[in-house]
Amino acid sequence: MAAFKFKNLTDEIRNKMIAEVDLDVEREKLYLSKRLTEEGRIYYPVFLRAAFREGDEKNAERLSYLQ
């Protein structure tokens, strides 16, 4: 599979994405699929932040084991 090119995904945008996740977690509004395991529910926000901070489209594949 060819990698995506995120030309406009700057550090500023990544930080805004992380801030949105943090706010959702704080307000208990982050969507957690019923398909996630108990461990997945704990670690999903952590991995999501990491993906937004430094990741690419392959991070989504790595998160699939949480189901």
PDB file of N, CA and C in Angstrom:
ATOM      1  N   MET A   1       0.841  -1.173   0.000  1.00  0.00           N
ATOM      2  CA  MET A   1       0.000   0.000   0.000  1.00  0.00           C
ATOM      3  C   MET A   1       0.888   1.239   0.000  1.00  0.00           C
ATOM      4  N   ALA A   2       0.573   2.169  -0.827  1.00  0.00           N
ATOM      5  CA  ALA A   2       1.332   3.417  -0.904  1.00  0.00           C
ATOM      6  C   ALA A   2       1.027   4.282   0.322  1.00  0.00           C
ATOM      7  N   ALA A   3       2.036   4.951   0.816  1.00  0.00           N
ATOM      8  CA  ALA A   3       1.862   5.826   1.974  1.00  0.00           C
ATOM      9  C   ALA A   3       1.156   7.107   1.553  1.00  0.00           C
ATOM     10  N   PHE A   4       0.347   7.628   2.466  1.00  0.00           N
ATOM     11  CA  PHE A   4      -0.299   8.913   2.228  1.00  0.00           C
ATOM     12  C   PHE A   4       0.728  10.025   2.382  1.00  0.00           C
ATOM     13  N   LYS A   5       0.477  11.150   1.755  1.00  0.00           N
ATOM     14  CA  LYS A   5       1.322  12.332   1.898  1.00  0.00           C
ATOM     15  C   LYS A   5       0.501  13.408   2.615  1.00  0.00           C
ATOM     16  N   PHE A   6       0.868  13.688   3.847  1.00  0.00           N
ATOM     17  CA  PHE A   6       0.157  14.680   4.639  1.00  0.00           C
ATOM     18  C   PHE A   6       0.919  16.004   4.592  1.00  0.00           C
ATOM     19  N   LYS A   7       0.823  16.693   3.476  1.00  0.00           N
ATOM     20  CA  LYS A   7       1.598  17.915   3.251  1.00  0.00           C
ATOM     21  C   LYS A   7       1.225  19.032   4.216  1.00  0.00           C
ATOM     22  N   ASN A   8      -0.019  19.101   4.624  1.00  0.00           N
ATOM     23  CA  ASN A   8      -0.483  20.200   5.475  1.00  0.00           C
ATOM     24  C   ASN A   8      -0.574  19.817   6.947  1.00  0.00           C
ATOM     25  N   LEU A   9      -0.076  18.674   7.307  1.00  0.00           N
ATOM     26  CA  LEU A   9      -0.148  18.221   8.693  1.00  0.00           C
ATOM     27  C   LEU A   9       1.071  18.749   9.454  1.00  0.00           C
ATOM     28  N   THR A  10       0.939  19.973   9.918  1.00  0.00           N
ATOM     29  CA  THR A  10       2.032  20.659  10.609  1.00  0.00           C
ATOM     30  C   THR A  10       2.010  20.318  12.098  1.00  0.00           C
ATOM     31  N   ASP A  11       3.051  20.727  12.800  1.00  0.00           N
ATOM     32  CA  ASP A  11       3.087  20.545  14.254  1.00  0.00           C
ATOM     33  C   ASP A  11       1.929  21.276  14.918  1.00  0.00           C
ATOM     34  N   GLU A  12       1.573  22.433  14.393  1.00  0.00           N
ATOM     35  CA  GLU A  12       0.449  23.192  14.943  1.00  0.00           C
ATOM     36  C   GLU A  12      -0.852  22.392  14.832  1.00  0.00           C
ATOM     37  N   ILE A  13      -1.092  21.794  13.688  1.00  0.00           N
ATOM     38  CA  ILE A  13      -2.299  20.992  13.487  1.00  0.00           C
ATOM     39  C   ILE A  13      -2.267  19.761  14.388  1.00  0.00           C
ATOM     40  N   ARG A  14      -1.121  19.084  14.453  1.00  0.00           N
ATOM     41  CA  ARG A  14      -0.993  17.912  15.327  1.00  0.00           C
ATOM     42  C   ARG A  14      -1.304  18.277  16.787  1.00  0.00           C
ATOM     43  N   ASN A  15      -0.790  19.419  17.243  1.00  0.00           N
ATOM     44  CA  ASN A  15      -1.041  19.853  18.622  1.00  0.00           C
ATOM     45  C   ASN A  15      -2.520  20.141  18.867  1.00  0.00           C
ATOM     46  N   LYS A  16      -3.192  20.704  17.865  1.00  0.00           N
ATOM     47  CA  LYS A  16      -4.632  20.955  17.996  1.00  0.00           C
ATOM     48  C   LYS A  16      -5.408  19.640  18.070  1.00  0.00           C
ATOM     49  N   MET A  17      -4.978  18.643  17.308  1.00  0.00           N
ATOM     50  CA  MET A  17      -5.632  17.333  17.344  1.00  0.00           C
ATOM     51  C   MET A  17      -5.462  16.690  18.721  1.00  0.00           C
ATOM     52  N   ILE A  18      -4.271  16.793  19.277  1.00  0.00           N
ATOM     53  CA  ILE A  18      -4.007  16.239  20.607  1.00  0.00           C
ATOM     54  C   ILE A  18      -4.836  16.975  21.660  1.00  0.00           C
ATOM     55  N   ALA A  19      -4.914  18.289  21.549  1.00  0.00           N
ATOM     56  CA  ALA A  19      -5.704  19.076  22.488  1.00  0.00           C
ATOM     57  C   ALA A  19      -7.175  18.676  22.444  1.00  0.00           C
ATOM     58  N   GLU A  20      -7.665  18.365  21.257  1.00  0.00           N
ATOM     59  CA  GLU A  20      -9.061  17.935  21.132  1.00  0.00           C
ATOM     60  C   GLU A  20      -9.290  16.586  21.813  1.00  0.00           C
ATOM     61  N   VAL A  21      -8.346  15.671  21.656  1.00  0.00           N
ATOM     62  CA  VAL A  21      -8.447  14.377  22.341  1.00  0.00           C
ATOM     63  C   VAL A  21      -8.427  14.601  23.853  1.00  0.00           C
ATOM     64  N   ASP A  22      -7.504  15.435  24.319  1.00  0.00           N
ATOM     65  CA  ASP A  22      -7.405  15.705  25.758  1.00  0.00           C
ATOM     66  C   ASP A  22      -8.709  16.278  26.301  1.00  0.00           C
ATOM     67  N   LEU A  23      -9.299  17.198  25.566  1.00  0.00           N
ATOM     68  CA  LEU A  23     -10.568  17.790  25.990  1.00  0.00           C
ATOM     69  C   LEU A  23     -11.680  16.747  26.014  1.00  0.00           C
ATOM     70  N   ASP A  24     -11.737  15.900  24.998  1.00  0.00           N
ATOM     71  CA  ASP A  24     -12.747  14.845  24.967  1.00  0.00           C
ATOM     72  C   ASP A  24     -12.580  13.886  26.141  1.00  0.00           C
ATOM     73  N   VAL A  25     -11.339  13.533  26.458  1.00  0.00           N
ATOM     74  CA  VAL A  25     -11.084  12.642  27.597  1.00  0.00           C
ATOM     75  C   VAL A  25     -11.512  13.323  28.893  1.00  0.00           C
ATOM     76  N   GLU A  26     -11.120  14.584  29.054  1.00  0.00           N
ATOM     77  CA  GLU A  26     -11.466  15.340  30.261  1.00  0.00           C
ATOM     78  C   GLU A  26     -12.979  15.401  30.461  1.00  0.00           C
ATOM     79  N   ARG A  27     -13.707  15.577  29.376  1.00  0.00           N
ATOM     80  CA  ARG A  27     -15.173  15.701  29.442  1.00  0.00           C
ATOM     81  C   ARG A  27     -15.879  14.344  29.344  1.00  0.00           C
ATOM     82  N   GLU A  28     -15.065  13.286  29.262  1.00  0.00           N
ATOM     83  CA  GLU A  28     -15.588  11.924  29.102  1.00  0.00           C
ATOM     84  C   GLU A  28     -16.461  11.809  27.858  1.00  0.00           C
ATOM     85  N   LYS A  29     -16.000  12.431  26.774  1.00  0.00           N
ATOM     86  CA  LYS A  29     -16.731  12.434  25.505  1.00  0.00           C
ATOM     87  C   LYS A  29     -15.980  11.705  24.390  1.00  0.00           C
ATOM     88  N   LEU A  30     -14.787  11.171  24.685  1.00  0.00           N
ATOM     89  CA  LEU A  30     -14.045  10.447  23.649  1.00  0.00           C
ATOM     90  C   LEU A  30     -14.799   9.162  23.324  1.00  0.00           C
ATOM     91  N   TYR A  31     -15.097   8.968  22.066  1.00  0.00           N
ATOM     92  CA  TYR A  31     -15.822   7.772  21.653  1.00  0.00           C
ATOM     93  C   TYR A  31     -14.926   6.544  21.797  1.00  0.00           C
ATOM     94  N   LEU A  32     -15.403   5.569  22.541  1.00  0.00           N
ATOM     95  CA  LEU A  32     -14.709   4.294  22.706  1.00  0.00           C
ATOM     96  C   LEU A  32     -15.636   3.197  22.208  1.00  0.00           C
ATOM     97  N   SER A  33     -15.263   2.583  21.120  1.00  0.00           N
ATOM     98  CA  SER A  33     -16.080   1.549  20.506  1.00  0.00           C
ATOM     99  C   SER A  33     -16.331   0.402  21.482  1.00  0.00           C
ATOM    100  N   LYS A  34     -17.494  -0.187  21.399  1.00  0.00           N
ATOM    101  CA  LYS A  34     -17.816  -1.367  22.212  1.00  0.00           C
ATOM    102  C   LYS A  34     -16.962  -2.557  21.792  1.00  0.00           C
ATOM    103  N   ARG A  35     -16.343  -2.452  20.630  1.00  0.00           N
ATOM    104  CA  ARG A  35     -15.495  -3.541  20.137  1.00  0.00           C
ATOM    105  C   ARG A  35     -14.114  -3.538  20.783  1.00  0.00           C
ATOM    106  N   LEU A  36     -13.763  -2.456  21.477  1.00  0.00           N
ATOM    107  CA  LEU A  36     -12.466  -2.400  22.152  1.00  0.00           C
ATOM    108  C   LEU A  36     -12.468  -3.328  23.367  1.00  0.00           C
ATOM    109  N   THR A  37     -11.337  -3.949  23.599  1.00  0.00           N
ATOM    110  CA  THR A  37     -11.173  -4.735  24.817  1.00  0.00           C
ATOM    111  C   THR A  37     -11.050  -3.770  25.993  1.00  0.00           C
ATOM    112  N   GLU A  38     -11.074  -4.304  27.213  1.00  0.00           N
ATOM    113  CA  GLU A  38     -10.892  -3.454  28.387  1.00  0.00           C
ATOM    114  C   GLU A  38      -9.534  -2.751  28.326  1.00  0.00           C
ATOM    115  N   GLU A  39      -8.505  -3.502  27.927  1.00  0.00           N
ATOM    116  CA  GLU A  39      -7.177  -2.919  27.767  1.00  0.00           C
ATOM    117  C   GLU A  39      -7.188  -1.853  26.672  1.00  0.00           C
ATOM    118  N   GLY A  40      -7.917  -2.124  25.604  1.00  0.00           N
ATOM    119  CA  GLY A  40      -8.024  -1.170  24.511  1.00  0.00           C
ATOM    120  C   GLY A  40      -8.652   0.139  24.945  1.00  0.00           C
ATOM    121  N   ARG A  41      -9.661   0.068  25.808  1.00  0.00           N
ATOM    122  CA  ARG A  41     -10.317   1.276  26.313  1.00  0.00           C
ATOM    123  C   ARG A  41      -9.354   2.128  27.137  1.00  0.00           C
ATOM    124  N   ILE A  42      -8.432   1.468  27.829  1.00  0.00           N
ATOM    125  CA  ILE A  42      -7.444   2.186  28.635  1.00  0.00           C
ATOM    126  C   ILE A  42      -6.388   2.841  27.748  1.00  0.00           C
ATOM    127  N   TYR A  43      -5.880   2.075  26.783  1.00  0.00           N
ATOM    128  CA  TYR A  43      -4.730   2.538  26.002  1.00  0.00           C
ATOM    129  C   TYR A  43      -5.084   3.309  24.728  1.00  0.00           C
ATOM    130  N   TYR A  44      -6.318   3.225  24.272  1.00  0.00           N
ATOM    131  CA  TYR A  44      -6.691   3.918  23.033  1.00  0.00           C
ATOM    132  C   TYR A  44      -6.351   5.410  23.059  1.00  0.00           C
ATOM    133  N   PRO A  45      -6.720   6.151  24.109  1.00  0.00           N
ATOM    134  CA  PRO A  45      -6.368   7.580  24.113  1.00  0.00           C
ATOM    135  C   PRO A  45      -4.855   7.821  24.082  1.00  0.00           C
ATOM    136  N   VAL A  46      -4.104   6.961  24.729  1.00  0.00           N
ATOM    137  CA  VAL A  46      -2.643   7.084  24.751  1.00  0.00           C
ATOM    138  C   VAL A  46      -2.081   6.889  23.344  1.00  0.00           C
ATOM    139  N   PHE A  47      -2.528   5.832  22.680  1.00  0.00           N
ATOM    140  CA  PHE A  47      -2.051   5.552  21.326  1.00  0.00           C
ATOM    141  C   PHE A  47      -2.544   6.597  20.329  1.00  0.00           C
ATOM    142  N   LEU A  48      -3.744   7.087  20.543  1.00  0.00           N
ATOM    143  CA  LEU A  48      -4.282   8.115  19.654  1.00  0.00           C
ATOM    144  C   LEU A  48      -3.430   9.384  19.728  1.00  0.00           C
ATOM    145  N   ARG A  49      -3.074   9.787  20.949  1.00  0.00           N
ATOM    146  CA  ARG A  49      -2.197  10.955  21.108  1.00  0.00           C
ATOM    147  C   ARG A  49      -0.850  10.723  20.416  1.00  0.00           C
ATOM    148  N   ALA A  50      -0.291   9.536  20.605  1.00  0.00           N
ATOM    149  CA  ALA A  50       1.007   9.216  19.985  1.00  0.00           C
ATOM    150  C   ALA A  50       0.900   9.261  18.466  1.00  0.00           C
ATOM    151  N   ALA A  51      -0.189   8.735  17.931  1.00  0.00           N
ATOM    152  CA  ALA A  51      -0.386   8.751  16.474  1.00  0.00           C
ATOM    153  C   ALA A  51      -0.491  10.183  15.968  1.00  0.00           C
ATOM    154  N   PHE A  52      -1.210  11.027  16.683  1.00  0.00           N
ATOM    155  CA  PHE A  52      -1.344  12.425  16.268  1.00  0.00           C
ATOM    156  C   PHE A  52      -0.016  13.158  16.387  1.00  0.00           C
ATOM    157  N   ARG A  53       0.768  12.815  17.395  1.00  0.00           N
ATOM    158  CA  ARG A  53       2.027  13.514  17.641  1.00  0.00           C
ATOM    159  C   ARG A  53       3.085  13.160  16.604  1.00  0.00           C
ATOM    160  N   GLU A  54       3.207  11.883  16.261  1.00  0.00           N
ATOM    161  CA  GLU A  54       4.335  11.476  15.422  1.00  0.00           C
ATOM    162  C   GLU A  54       3.996  10.444  14.368  1.00  0.00           C
ATOM    163  N   GLY A  55       2.743  10.111  14.266  1.00  0.00           N
ATOM    164  CA  GLY A  55       2.381   8.990  13.428  1.00  0.00           C
ATOM    165  C   GLY A  55       2.027   9.309  11.996  1.00  0.00           C
ATOM    166  N   ASP A  56       1.676   8.232  11.313  1.00  0.00           N
ATOM    167  CA  ASP A  56       1.214   8.291   9.935  1.00  0.00           C
ATOM    168  C   ASP A  56       0.076   7.280   9.802  1.00  0.00           C
ATOM    169  N   GLU A  57      -0.322   7.005   8.579  1.00  0.00           N
ATOM    170  CA  GLU A  57      -1.475   6.120   8.378  1.00  0.00           C
ATOM    171  C   GLU A  57      -1.224   4.704   8.899  1.00  0.00           C
ATOM    172  N   LYS A  58       0.007   4.308   9.061  1.00  0.00           N
ATOM    173  CA  LYS A  58       0.311   2.963   9.547  1.00  0.00           C
ATOM    174  C   LYS A  58       0.007   2.806  11.034  1.00  0.00           C
ATOM    175  N   ASN A  59      -0.089   3.910  11.766  1.00  0.00           N
ATOM    176  CA  ASN A  59      -0.439   3.829  13.178  1.00  0.00           C
ATOM    177  C   ASN A  59      -1.830   3.215  13.362  1.00  0.00           C
ATOM    178  N   ALA A  60      -2.726   3.478  12.443  1.00  0.00           N
ATOM    179  CA  ALA A  60      -4.066   2.908  12.545  1.00  0.00           C
ATOM    180  C   ALA A  60      -4.013   1.377  12.513  1.00  0.00           C
ATOM    181  N   GLU A  61      -3.132   0.850  11.702  1.00  0.00           N
ATOM    182  CA  GLU A  61      -2.975  -0.596  11.638  1.00  0.00           C
ATOM    183  C   GLU A  61      -2.482  -1.149  12.975  1.00  0.00           C
ATOM    184  N   ARG A  62      -1.583  -0.427  13.621  1.00  0.00           N
ATOM    185  CA  ARG A  62      -1.027  -0.874  14.900  1.00  0.00           C
ATOM    186  C   ARG A  62      -2.069  -0.871  15.999  1.00  0.00           C
ATOM    187  N   LEU A  63      -3.080  -0.004  15.902  1.00  0.00           N
ATOM    188  CA  LEU A  63      -4.112   0.064  16.916  1.00  0.00           C
ATOM    189  C   LEU A  63      -5.138  -1.059  16.819  1.00  0.00           C
ATOM    190  N   SER A  64      -5.136  -1.761  15.712  1.00  0.00           N
ATOM    191  CA  SER A  64      -6.175  -2.768  15.477  1.00  0.00           C
ATOM    192  C   SER A  64      -6.131  -3.908  16.494  1.00  0.00           C
ATOM    193  N   TYR A  65      -5.012  -4.156  17.130  1.00  0.00           N
ATOM    194  CA  TYR A  65      -4.949  -5.256  18.089  1.00  0.00           C
ATOM    195  C   TYR A  65      -5.757  -4.951  19.354  1.00  0.00           C
ATOM    196  N   LEU A  66      -6.187  -3.719  19.542  1.00  0.00           N
ATOM    197  CA  LEU A  66      -6.954  -3.358  20.722  1.00  0.00           C
ATOM    198  C   LEU A  66      -8.380  -3.894  20.671  1.00  0.00           C
ATOM    199  N   GLN A  67      -8.799  -4.368  19.522  1.00  0.00           N
ATOM    200  CA  GLN A  67     -10.170  -4.886  19.383  1.00  0.00           C
ATOM    201  C   GLN A  67     -10.234  -6.350  19.737  1.00  0.00           C
TER     202      GLN A  67
END
